Amino acid sequence: MAEKTEKKELIIIGAGPGGYAAAFRAADLGTKVTLIDPEANPGGVCLYRGCIPSKALLHLAKVKQEALAAAEWGMSFSEPEIDVKKIRKWKDKVVEKLTSGLGQLSKGKKIEYIKGNAEFVSDRKIKIQPAESDAYETEFENLILATGSVNVSLPGIEIDHKKIIDSKDALDLKDIPESMLVIGGGYIGLELGSVYAAIGTKVSIAEMTPGFLPGADRDLVKIFEKEHPFEELYFNTKVEKVEIKKMKVKVSLKGKDEQSEEKKFDKVLVAVGRRPNTESLSLDKAGVEVDEKGFIKVNVKRNTSMKNIYAIGDLTGEPLLAHKANYEGKIAAEVIAGIKGAAYDPVSIPAVVFTNPQLAWCGLQEEQAKSKNINFKILKFPWNASGRAVAVGNRNGITKILVESKTGRILGGGVAGKNAGSLIPEISLAIEMASTAEDLALSIHPHPTLSETIMESAEIFSGSPTHISK
């Protein structure tokens, strides 16, 4: 095997939102960067097979839902015709445009980009396997691991990528099945299930816990439950067996009462979560330690157990979010460049579920605040008292803020309803800046907008909300 004698200043394995953000920041700081990824351009799972294609399809789903809802206001449309091939082509064009743009950015920043894979030989050397040439070994000064996560499989359920599929298969949108069971009521299952429901599939959900989105505040989830697009919901249910019989997928479901029932679907989507993508890295050869769940152990500077090796993004644990990886990547690049004070210390990491209605939250959630024995108040504004929400037919929504009872300091918040993902950053910023409810209440918000629901939630703390009674 060949060996490159030139020692690399910084190697980054994985070019997803964390990896390319780290590469771009490091290059801007004057570090010579080598970025390695199996794809032709940066983007990672998020851009090629996750965040971006799913949101493109969810946008179509939202357009259809809102068009049909307009009939109640006196504007009727005929049932839309679904052209799967055209939708798929449009989705792929979105991905191609964004990934090629990142490729151009990499070249502009003079980053050495290698299409291929890599694994450790030692804590100072890796083996690189380019896609179109022989493997070779090279040494490095510093290395950032950013290989992300992969879908979790279920014991006894074999994904054939035709009838029993994963999230990548679902996004390929090869056809429109008449019926589908989604195993998993988390954000991936709900988002992809919503897409297929919008294009004509009868979608059912099987979830082991009592409701959608385990861990999220129940009052937010209830908003989605009122408008969900699914056929059958199987909560507190375990999928015992899945088998293909006569072009159908036969599923054995065991409920809370321990009674089993069999159902048949055209397809089954397994969406039960993700795990760190580390199997091909040979972490043991570098002495990189992982925890009991397989996530890589890191400190606030993103160092692993080996000081010159860093890890970011999904590899390092919950929450598995692209924007968290992006932030961590920049921190790691700054630490390597010697910037004093660079450390991963966010107070708030917003999360968004892009269903219709959207759900979003940040900071402390109710159960977390209770477990910490924090004395807090919930300030909640119902959207049926919002002029903007009523005008756009989105009365079923809420904005809530968690504040410290005595001081009014904002600890957390959540939004359920139209464009929740665009509203949550204001609450997240308020948490990061240690703002109080009074600060938000005294900030003039434009009328009529949904952002006013944040201001009016904050006004509840002083006892003077404008549009709801005390």
Protein backbone atom coordinates (compact mmCIF):
# COMPACT_ATOMS: atom_id res chain seq x y z
CA MET A 1 0.00 0.00 0.00
CA ALA A 2 1.29 3.44 -0.91
CA GLU A 3 2.03 6.04 1.74
CA LYS A 4 1.85 9.79 1.26
CA THR A 5 4.77 11.38 3.08
CA GLU A 6 3.15 14.82 3.31
CA LYS A 7 1.54 15.24 6.73
CA LYS A 8 -1.93 16.79 6.56
CA GLU A 9 -2.57 19.79 8.81
CA LEU A 10 -6.27 18.97 9.27
CA ILE A 11 -8.28 16.03 7.94
CA ILE A 12 -12.06 15.98 8.26
CA ILE A 13 -13.85 12.67 7.67
CA GLY A 14 -17.45 13.33 6.67
CA ALA A 15 -18.77 16.30 4.70
CA GLY A 16 -22.24 16.74 6.16
CA PRO A 17 -23.45 19.96 7.86
CA GLY A 18 -20.87 19.53 10.62
CA GLY A 19 -17.98 18.43 8.43
CA TYR A 20 -18.27 21.07 5.72
CA ALA A 21 -18.94 23.82 8.30
CA ALA A 22 -15.75 22.80 10.11
CA ALA A 23 -13.83 22.71 6.82
CA PHE A 24 -15.06 26.13 5.68
CA ARG A 25 -14.36 27.77 9.07
CA ALA A 26 -10.93 26.16 9.33
CA ALA A 27 -10.02 27.27 5.80
CA ASP A 28 -11.15 30.83 6.57
CA LEU A 29 -8.84 30.76 9.60
CA GLY A 30 -5.86 29.77 7.46
CA THR A 31 -5.77 26.03 8.16
CA LYS A 32 -4.98 23.67 5.29
CA VAL A 33 -7.93 21.28 5.10
CA THR A 34 -8.46 17.86 3.55
CA LEU A 35 -12.16 16.88 3.46
CA ILE A 36 -13.12 13.24 2.80
CA ASP A 37 -16.61 11.97 1.97
CA PRO A 38 -18.18 9.19 -0.19
CA GLU A 39 -20.25 11.70 -2.18
CA ALA A 40 -19.08 13.81 -5.13
CA ASN A 41 -19.76 17.03 -3.21
CA PRO A 42 -20.27 18.07 0.43
CA GLY A 43 -23.76 17.80 1.91
CA GLY A 44 -23.89 14.53 3.81
CA VAL A 45 -27.02 12.62 4.74
CA CYS A 46 -28.83 15.85 5.60
CA LEU A 47 -28.57 17.32 2.14
CA TYR A 48 -28.54 14.18 0.00
CA ARG A 49 -30.96 11.91 1.89
CA GLY A 50 -32.49 13.79 4.81
CA CYS A 51 -33.24 17.38 5.81
CA ILE A 52 -33.39 19.05 2.41
CA PRO A 53 -35.20 16.47 0.21
CA SER A 54 -37.69 15.75 3.00
CA LYS A 55 -38.47 19.46 3.45
CA ALA A 56 -38.86 19.89 -0.31
CA LEU A 57 -41.47 17.13 -0.31
CA LEU A 58 -43.09 18.44 2.87
CA HIS A 59 -43.51 21.80 1.15
CA LEU A 60 -45.56 20.09 -1.57
CA ALA A 61 -47.61 18.35 1.09
CA LYS A 62 -48.28 21.67 2.80
CA VAL A 63 -49.33 23.32 -0.49
CA LYS A 64 -51.88 20.58 -1.10
CA GLN A 65 -53.25 20.64 2.45
CA GLU A 66 -53.66 24.42 2.45
CA ALA A 67 -55.26 24.43 -1.00
CA LEU A 68 -57.87 21.90 0.11
CA ALA A 69 -58.48 23.78 3.36
CA ALA A 70 -59.24 26.96 1.39
CA ALA A 71 -62.55 25.39 0.33
CA GLU A 72 -63.92 26.31 3.77
CA TRP A 73 -63.28 29.98 2.99
CA GLY A 74 -64.92 29.89 -0.43
CA MET A 75 -62.01 29.05 -2.72
CA SER A 76 -62.27 25.51 -4.07
CA PHE A 77 -59.69 23.57 -6.07
CA SER A 78 -60.05 20.23 -7.77
CA GLU A 79 -58.07 17.30 -6.38
CA PRO A 80 -54.46 17.83 -7.57
CA GLU A 81 -52.89 15.38 -10.00
CA ILE A 82 -49.72 13.79 -8.63
CA ASP A 83 -46.86 13.27 -11.08
CA VAL A 84 -44.35 11.22 -9.07
CA LYS A 85 -41.62 11.34 -11.71
CA LYS A 86 -41.83 15.12 -11.95
CA ILE A 87 -41.84 15.52 -8.17
CA ARG A 88 -38.81 13.25 -7.89
CA LYS A 89 -37.01 15.19 -10.62
CA TRP A 90 -37.73 18.50 -8.87
CA LYS A 91 -36.54 17.13 -5.51
CA ASP A 92 -33.33 15.79 -7.07
CA LYS A 93 -32.74 19.14 -8.79
CA VAL A 94 -32.94 20.93 -5.43
CA VAL A 95 -30.37 18.53 -3.95
CA GLU A 96 -28.08 18.80 -6.99
CA LYS A 97 -28.13 22.61 -6.93
CA LEU A 98 -27.23 22.82 -3.23
CA THR A 99 -24.56 20.12 -3.21
CA SER A 100 -22.84 21.45 -6.33
CA GLY A 101 -22.88 24.89 -4.73
CA LEU A 102 -21.05 23.49 -1.70
CA GLY A 103 -18.56 21.86 -4.06
CA GLN A 104 -17.82 25.24 -5.63
CA LEU A 105 -17.42 26.80 -2.19
CA SER A 106 -14.90 24.09 -1.26
CA LYS A 107 -12.85 24.83 -4.36
CA GLY A 108 -13.05 28.56 -3.70
CA LYS A 109 -11.67 28.04 -0.19
CA LYS A 110 -8.87 25.84 -1.60
CA ILE A 111 -9.99 22.77 0.38
CA GLU A 112 -8.60 19.44 -0.81
CA TYR A 113 -11.71 17.35 -1.38
CA ILE A 114 -11.39 13.57 -1.69
CA LYS A 115 -14.35 11.46 -2.77
CA GLY A 116 -13.88 8.23 -0.84
CA ASN A 117 -13.66 6.68 2.61
CA ALA A 118 -11.13 6.64 5.42
CA GLU A 119 -10.28 4.69 8.56
CA PHE A 120 -7.70 4.93 11.31
CA VAL A 121 -4.35 3.16 11.23
CA SER A 122 -3.24 4.87 14.46
CA ASP A 123 -3.88 8.10 16.37
CA ARG A 124 -1.64 9.90 13.86
CA LYS A 125 -2.32 8.08 10.62
CA ILE A 126 -5.31 7.09 8.46
CA LYS A 127 -5.88 4.96 5.40
CA ILE A 128 -7.71 6.76 2.60
CA GLN A 129 -9.61 4.81 -0.04
CA PRO A 130 -10.43 7.20 -2.90
CA ALA A 131 -13.40 6.22 -5.08
CA GLU A 132 -11.32 6.01 -8.25
CA SER A 133 -7.75 5.14 -7.23
CA ASP A 134 -5.71 2.91 -4.94
CA ALA A 135 -5.75 3.24 -1.17
CA TYR A 136 -2.90 4.96 0.61
CA GLU A 137 -1.92 5.98 4.13
CA THR A 138 -1.17 9.48 5.34
CA GLU A 139 -0.31 11.17 8.63
CA PHE A 140 -2.19 14.09 10.17
CA GLU A 141 -1.70 16.72 12.84
CA ASN A 142 -5.40 17.08 13.70
CA LEU A 143 -8.51 15.22 12.58
CA ILE A 144 -12.22 15.88 12.95
CA LEU A 145 -14.70 12.99 12.82
CA ALA A 146 -18.02 14.03 11.27
CA THR A 147 -19.50 10.86 9.78
CA GLY A 148 -22.97 11.43 11.23
CA SER A 149 -25.51 8.69 11.88
CA VAL A 150 -27.34 5.85 10.13
CA ASN A 151 -30.82 4.39 10.45
CA VAL A 152 -31.50 2.04 13.35
CA SER A 153 -32.81 -1.36 12.29
CA LEU A 154 -35.28 -3.49 14.22
CA PRO A 155 -34.43 -7.07 15.23
CA GLY A 156 -36.15 -9.60 13.00
CA ILE A 157 -37.17 -7.02 10.39
CA GLU A 158 -35.14 -7.19 7.20
CA ILE A 159 -35.28 -4.08 5.02
CA ASP A 160 -35.46 -5.20 1.38
CA HIS A 161 -35.68 -1.59 0.11
CA LYS A 162 -38.79 -2.48 -1.93
CA LYS A 163 -41.68 -3.44 0.34
CA ILE A 164 -39.93 -2.85 3.67
CA ILE A 165 -38.08 0.44 3.39
CA ASP A 166 -36.01 2.97 5.33
CA SER A 167 -36.03 6.77 5.19
CA LYS A 168 -33.67 6.91 2.21
CA ASP A 169 -35.94 4.61 0.21
CA ALA A 170 -38.96 6.69 1.20
CA LEU A 171 -37.31 9.86 -0.10
CA ASP A 172 -36.53 8.18 -3.42
CA LEU A 173 -40.32 8.29 -4.01
CA LYS A 174 -40.40 5.44 -6.50
CA ASP A 175 -44.16 5.03 -6.36
CA ILE A 176 -47.31 5.84 -4.39
CA PRO A 177 -48.38 2.79 -2.37
CA GLU A 178 -52.04 2.49 -1.56
CA SER A 179 -51.28 1.82 2.10
CA MET A 180 -48.23 2.15 4.34
CA LEU A 181 -47.36 1.47 7.97
CA VAL A 182 -44.75 3.73 9.50
CA ILE A 183 -42.97 2.11 12.44
CA GLY A 184 -41.97 4.98 14.70
CA GLY A 185 -43.84 8.11 15.79
CA GLY A 186 -40.80 10.37 16.03
CA TYR A 187 -40.02 13.30 13.79
CA ILE A 188 -38.71 11.19 10.88
CA GLY A 189 -41.77 8.95 10.86
CA LEU A 190 -44.20 11.85 11.14
CA GLU A 191 -42.53 13.94 8.44
CA LEU A 192 -42.22 11.15 5.89
CA GLY A 193 -45.64 9.78 6.81
CA SER A 194 -47.10 13.24 6.19
CA VAL A 195 -45.50 13.37 2.74
CA TYR A 196 -46.99 10.04 1.66
CA ALA A 197 -50.38 10.87 3.16
CA ALA A 198 -50.44 14.08 1.12
CA ILE A 199 -49.74 12.32 -2.17
CA GLY A 200 -52.51 9.77 -1.65
CA THR A 201 -51.23 6.91 0.52
CA LYS A 202 -53.30 5.69 3.47
CA VAL A 203 -50.66 5.97 6.19
CA SER A 204 -50.86 4.37 9.63
CA ILE A 205 -48.42 4.80 12.53
CA ALA A 206 -47.17 2.21 15.04
CA GLU A 207 -45.40 3.64 18.10
CA MET A 208 -44.23 1.90 21.30
CA THR A 209 -44.97 4.89 23.55
CA PRO A 210 -48.40 6.43 24.37
CA GLY A 211 -48.18 9.16 21.72
CA PHE A 212 -46.32 11.00 18.98
CA LEU A 213 -42.87 12.48 19.58
CA PRO A 214 -41.81 10.88 22.87
CA GLY A 215 -40.08 13.46 25.04
CA ALA A 216 -41.80 16.54 23.58
CA ASP A 217 -44.23 18.55 25.71
CA ARG A 218 -47.70 17.04 25.37
CA ASP A 219 -49.55 20.33 24.84
CA LEU A 220 -47.49 20.94 21.69
CA VAL A 221 -48.05 17.41 20.43
CA LYS A 222 -51.82 17.70 20.98
CA ILE A 223 -51.96 20.48 18.40
CA PHE A 224 -50.62 18.08 15.76
CA GLU A 225 -52.86 15.25 17.00
CA LYS A 226 -55.92 17.36 16.19
CA GLU A 227 -54.92 17.67 12.53
CA HIS A 228 -52.75 14.64 11.77
CA PRO A 229 -53.27 13.11 8.30
CA PHE A 230 -53.00 9.43 9.28
CA GLU A 231 -55.50 6.58 9.03
CA GLU A 232 -54.87 4.31 12.02
CA LEU A 233 -52.75 5.03 15.10
CA TYR A 234 -51.29 2.14 17.08
CA PHE A 235 -49.83 3.60 20.28
CA ASN A 236 -48.32 1.50 23.09
CA THR A 237 -47.77 -1.02 20.34
CA LYS A 238 -44.85 -3.27 19.50
CA VAL A 239 -44.27 -4.62 16.00
CA GLU A 240 -43.58 -8.31 16.60
CA LYS A 241 -43.20 -9.63 13.09
CA VAL A 242 -43.08 -8.35 9.52
CA GLU A 243 -43.19 -10.64 6.49
CA ILE A 244 -43.94 -10.27 2.78
CA LYS A 245 -46.84 -12.40 1.60
CA LYS A 246 -48.38 -12.22 -1.88
CA MET A 247 -47.06 -8.71 -2.63
CA LYS A 248 -48.37 -7.42 0.69
CA VAL A 249 -46.52 -6.84 3.95
CA LYS A 250 -48.16 -8.70 6.82
CA VAL A 251 -47.48 -7.08 10.17
CA SER A 252 -48.12 -8.53 13.62
CA LEU A 253 -48.90 -5.80 16.17
CA LYS A 254 -49.02 -6.34 19.93
CA GLY A 255 -50.85 -3.66 21.91
CA LYS A 256 -50.84 -2.61 25.55
CA ASP A 257 -53.33 -5.34 26.40
CA GLU A 258 -50.84 -7.94 25.09
CA GLN A 259 -53.30 -8.90 22.39
CA SER A 260 -51.84 -9.35 18.89
CA GLU A 261 -53.50 -8.46 15.61
CA GLU A 262 -52.38 -8.81 12.03
CA LYS A 263 -52.62 -6.06 9.42
CA LYS A 264 -51.60 -5.93 5.76
CA PHE A 265 -49.97 -2.98 4.00
CA ASP A 266 -48.44 -2.32 0.60
CA LYS A 267 -45.29 -0.98 2.24
CA VAL A 268 -43.74 -0.64 5.68
CA LEU A 269 -41.39 2.23 6.55
CA VAL A 270 -39.01 1.63 9.46
CA ALA A 271 -38.27 4.97 11.14
CA VAL A 272 -37.28 4.14 14.72
CA GLY A 273 -34.26 6.40 15.09
CA ARG A 274 -30.59 6.70 14.22
CA ARG A 275 -27.26 5.54 15.64
CA PRO A 276 -23.68 6.84 15.28
CA ASN A 277 -21.98 5.92 12.01
CA THR A 278 -18.64 4.62 13.32
CA GLU A 279 -18.41 1.00 12.18
CA SER A 280 -15.96 1.62 9.34
CA LEU A 281 -13.67 4.05 11.19
CA SER A 282 -11.59 1.53 13.25
CA LEU A 283 -11.79 3.83 16.28
CA ASP A 284 -9.98 1.29 18.46
CA LYS A 285 -6.79 1.68 16.40
CA ALA A 286 -6.73 5.37 17.30
CA GLY A 287 -7.72 4.90 20.95
CA VAL A 288 -10.93 6.91 20.56
CA GLU A 289 -13.39 6.05 23.35
CA VAL A 290 -17.17 5.66 23.00
CA ASP A 291 -19.94 5.47 25.60
CA GLU A 292 -22.35 2.62 26.27
CA LYS A 293 -24.58 3.72 23.35
CA GLY A 294 -21.70 3.94 20.89
CA PHE A 295 -21.48 7.74 20.84
CA ILE A 296 -17.97 9.21 20.88
CA LYS A 297 -16.98 10.87 24.16
CA VAL A 298 -15.99 14.53 23.76
CA ASN A 299 -15.32 17.57 25.94
CA VAL A 300 -16.56 21.14 25.42
CA LYS A 301 -13.83 21.74 22.86
CA ARG A 302 -14.94 18.62 20.97
CA ASN A 303 -11.70 16.74 21.81
CA THR A 304 -12.11 12.96 22.00
CA SER A 305 -10.00 10.83 24.34
CA MET A 306 -7.14 11.60 21.92
CA LYS A 307 -6.36 15.32 22.07
CA ASN A 308 -5.58 15.71 18.35
CA ILE A 309 -8.78 13.91 17.28
CA TYR A 310 -12.11 15.73 17.48
CA ALA A 311 -15.71 14.57 16.96
CA ILE A 312 -18.82 16.57 16.10
CA GLY A 313 -22.48 16.13 15.20
CA ASP A 314 -24.53 12.96 15.50
CA LEU A 315 -21.42 10.98 16.48
CA THR A 316 -21.41 12.73 19.86
CA GLY A 317 -25.00 12.16 20.98
CA GLU A 318 -28.38 13.85 21.29
CA PRO A 319 -29.85 15.94 19.91
CA LEU A 320 -29.12 14.58 16.43
CA LEU A 321 -29.67 17.84 14.56
CA ALA A 322 -27.88 19.36 11.57
CA HIS A 323 -27.63 22.84 13.12
CA LYS A 324 -26.03 21.39 16.26
CA ALA A 325 -23.42 19.65 14.08
CA ASN A 326 -22.83 22.88 12.15
CA TYR A 327 -22.19 24.80 15.38
CA GLU A 328 -19.90 22.10 16.77
CA GLY A 329 -17.91 21.99 13.53
CA LYS A 330 -17.11 25.69 13.75
CA ILE A 331 -16.08 25.31 17.41
CA ALA A 332 -13.71 22.44 16.59
CA ALA A 333 -12.15 24.44 13.74
CA GLU A 334 -11.62 27.42 16.03
CA VAL A 335 -10.06 25.30 18.78
CA ILE A 336 -7.63 23.78 16.26
CA ALA A 337 -6.78 27.27 14.98
CA GLY A 338 -5.92 28.32 18.54
CA ILE A 339 -8.78 30.75 19.16
CA LYS A 340 -8.98 31.28 22.91
CA GLY A 341 -12.34 30.72 24.56
CA ALA A 342 -13.75 28.59 21.75
CA ALA A 343 -16.02 26.02 23.42
CA TYR A 344 -19.34 24.29 22.87
CA ASP A 345 -21.62 25.82 25.50
CA PRO A 346 -25.09 26.56 24.06
CA VAL A 347 -27.93 27.17 26.49
CA SER A 348 -30.59 26.52 23.87
CA ILE A 349 -30.72 24.25 20.83
CA PRO A 350 -34.01 24.68 18.93
CA ALA A 351 -35.73 21.66 17.41
CA VAL A 352 -38.37 21.73 14.68
CA VAL A 353 -40.73 19.05 13.35
CA PHE A 354 -41.75 20.14 9.84
CA THR A 355 -45.18 18.56 9.77
CA ASN A 356 -48.33 20.59 9.13
CA PRO A 357 -48.85 22.11 11.67
CA GLN A 358 -45.21 22.50 12.61
CA LEU A 359 -43.93 21.88 16.15
CA ALA A 360 -40.86 23.59 17.62
CA TRP A 361 -39.23 23.94 21.02
CA CYS A 362 -36.03 25.11 22.68
CA GLY A 363 -34.39 25.41 26.08
CA LEU A 364 -35.93 23.54 28.99
CA GLN A 365 -39.10 21.55 28.45
CA GLU A 366 -41.62 21.08 31.25
CA GLU A 367 -40.47 17.63 32.41
CA GLN A 368 -36.83 18.74 32.36
CA ALA A 369 -37.65 21.77 34.51
CA LYS A 370 -39.57 19.58 36.96
CA SER A 371 -36.72 17.07 37.20
CA LYS A 372 -34.33 19.92 38.08
CA ASN A 373 -36.74 21.14 40.80
CA ILE A 374 -36.94 24.55 39.18
CA ASN A 375 -39.75 26.81 40.31
CA PHE A 376 -41.22 27.88 36.96
CA LYS A 377 -44.32 29.31 35.35
CA ILE A 378 -45.85 28.49 31.98
CA LEU A 379 -46.99 31.46 29.92
CA LYS A 380 -49.23 30.18 27.13
CA PHE A 381 -51.00 32.13 24.41
CA PRO A 382 -53.69 30.37 22.33
CA TRP A 383 -53.69 31.21 18.64
CA ASN A 384 -57.46 31.54 18.49
CA ALA A 385 -56.80 34.94 20.10
CA SER A 386 -54.31 35.94 17.40
CA GLY A 387 -55.69 38.10 14.59
CA ARG A 388 -53.10 36.82 12.14
CA ALA A 389 -53.68 33.15 13.02
CA VAL A 390 -57.45 33.49 12.63
CA ALA A 391 -57.03 35.34 9.32
CA VAL A 392 -54.92 32.56 7.81
CA GLY A 393 -57.12 29.77 9.18
CA ASN A 394 -54.64 28.52 11.79
CA ARG A 395 -56.54 28.95 15.04
CA ASN A 396 -55.37 25.57 16.28
CA GLY A 397 -52.00 26.65 17.62
CA ILE A 398 -50.20 27.78 20.78
CA THR A 399 -47.11 29.69 21.80
CA LYS A 400 -45.69 29.01 25.26
CA ILE A 401 -42.78 30.26 27.32
CA LEU A 402 -41.32 28.72 30.47
CA VAL A 403 -39.98 31.32 32.89
CA GLU A 404 -38.40 31.34 36.33
CA SER A 405 -41.24 32.13 38.73
CA LYS A 406 -39.54 34.90 40.68
CA THR A 407 -37.42 36.69 38.09
CA GLY A 408 -39.28 35.95 34.86
CA ARG A 409 -36.05 34.79 33.20
CA ILE A 410 -36.88 32.76 30.13
CA LEU A 411 -35.91 29.09 30.48
CA GLY A 412 -37.60 27.44 27.51
CA GLY A 413 -40.38 27.69 25.01
CA GLY A 414 -42.42 26.00 22.36
CA VAL A 415 -44.62 26.79 19.37
CA ALA A 416 -47.17 24.61 17.61
CA GLY A 417 -48.76 25.91 14.45
CA LYS A 418 -48.03 27.53 11.11
CA ASN A 419 -44.36 28.50 10.62
CA ALA A 420 -43.42 27.43 14.15
CA GLY A 421 -39.88 26.82 12.93
CA SER A 422 -39.54 30.49 11.98
CA LEU A 423 -40.86 31.68 15.35
CA ILE A 424 -38.79 29.55 17.71
CA PRO A 425 -35.43 31.31 17.05
CA GLU A 426 -36.65 34.46 18.85
CA ILE A 427 -37.34 32.46 22.01
CA SER A 428 -34.03 30.62 21.64
CA LEU A 429 -32.15 33.93 21.33
CA ALA A 430 -33.94 35.24 24.42
CA ILE A 431 -32.76 32.19 26.37
CA GLU A 432 -29.16 32.61 25.20
CA MET A 433 -29.20 36.27 26.22
CA ALA A 434 -30.77 35.51 29.64
CA SER A 435 -33.72 37.74 28.74
CA THR A 436 -36.82 38.01 30.89
CA ALA A 437 -40.48 37.90 29.98
CA GLU A 438 -40.53 41.68 30.49
CA ASP A 439 -37.81 42.09 27.84
CA LEU A 440 -39.94 40.25 25.28
CA ALA A 441 -43.13 42.03 26.34
CA LEU A 442 -41.50 45.44 25.91
CA SER A 443 -40.13 44.60 22.47
CA ILE A 444 -42.62 45.95 19.92
CA HIS A 445 -43.70 43.21 17.50
CA PRO A 446 -45.26 44.02 14.10
CA HIS A 447 -49.01 43.62 13.68
CA PRO A 448 -50.59 41.51 12.36
CA THR A 449 -48.03 38.70 12.61
CA LEU A 450 -47.72 35.38 14.37
CA SER A 451 -44.64 36.76 16.15
CA GLU A 452 -47.04 38.76 18.34
CA THR A 453 -47.98 35.50 20.05
CA ILE A 454 -44.49 35.48 21.61
CA MET A 455 -44.93 39.02 22.93
CA GLU A 456 -48.41 38.26 24.25
CA SER A 457 -47.20 35.08 25.96
CA ALA A 458 -44.56 37.19 27.71
CA GLU A 459 -47.17 39.78 28.74
CA ILE A 460 -48.96 37.12 30.78
CA PHE A 461 -46.11 37.23 33.34
CA SER A 462 -46.98 40.81 34.31
CA GLY A 463 -50.68 40.01 34.30
CA SER A 464 -51.55 42.30 31.40
CA PRO A 465 -51.96 40.29 28.19
CA THR A 466 -53.77 42.38 25.57
CA HIS A 467 -55.91 39.81 23.78
CA ILE A 468 -56.76 37.26 26.48
CA SER A 469 -58.16 37.69 29.98
CA LYS A 470 -55.99 37.33 33.04
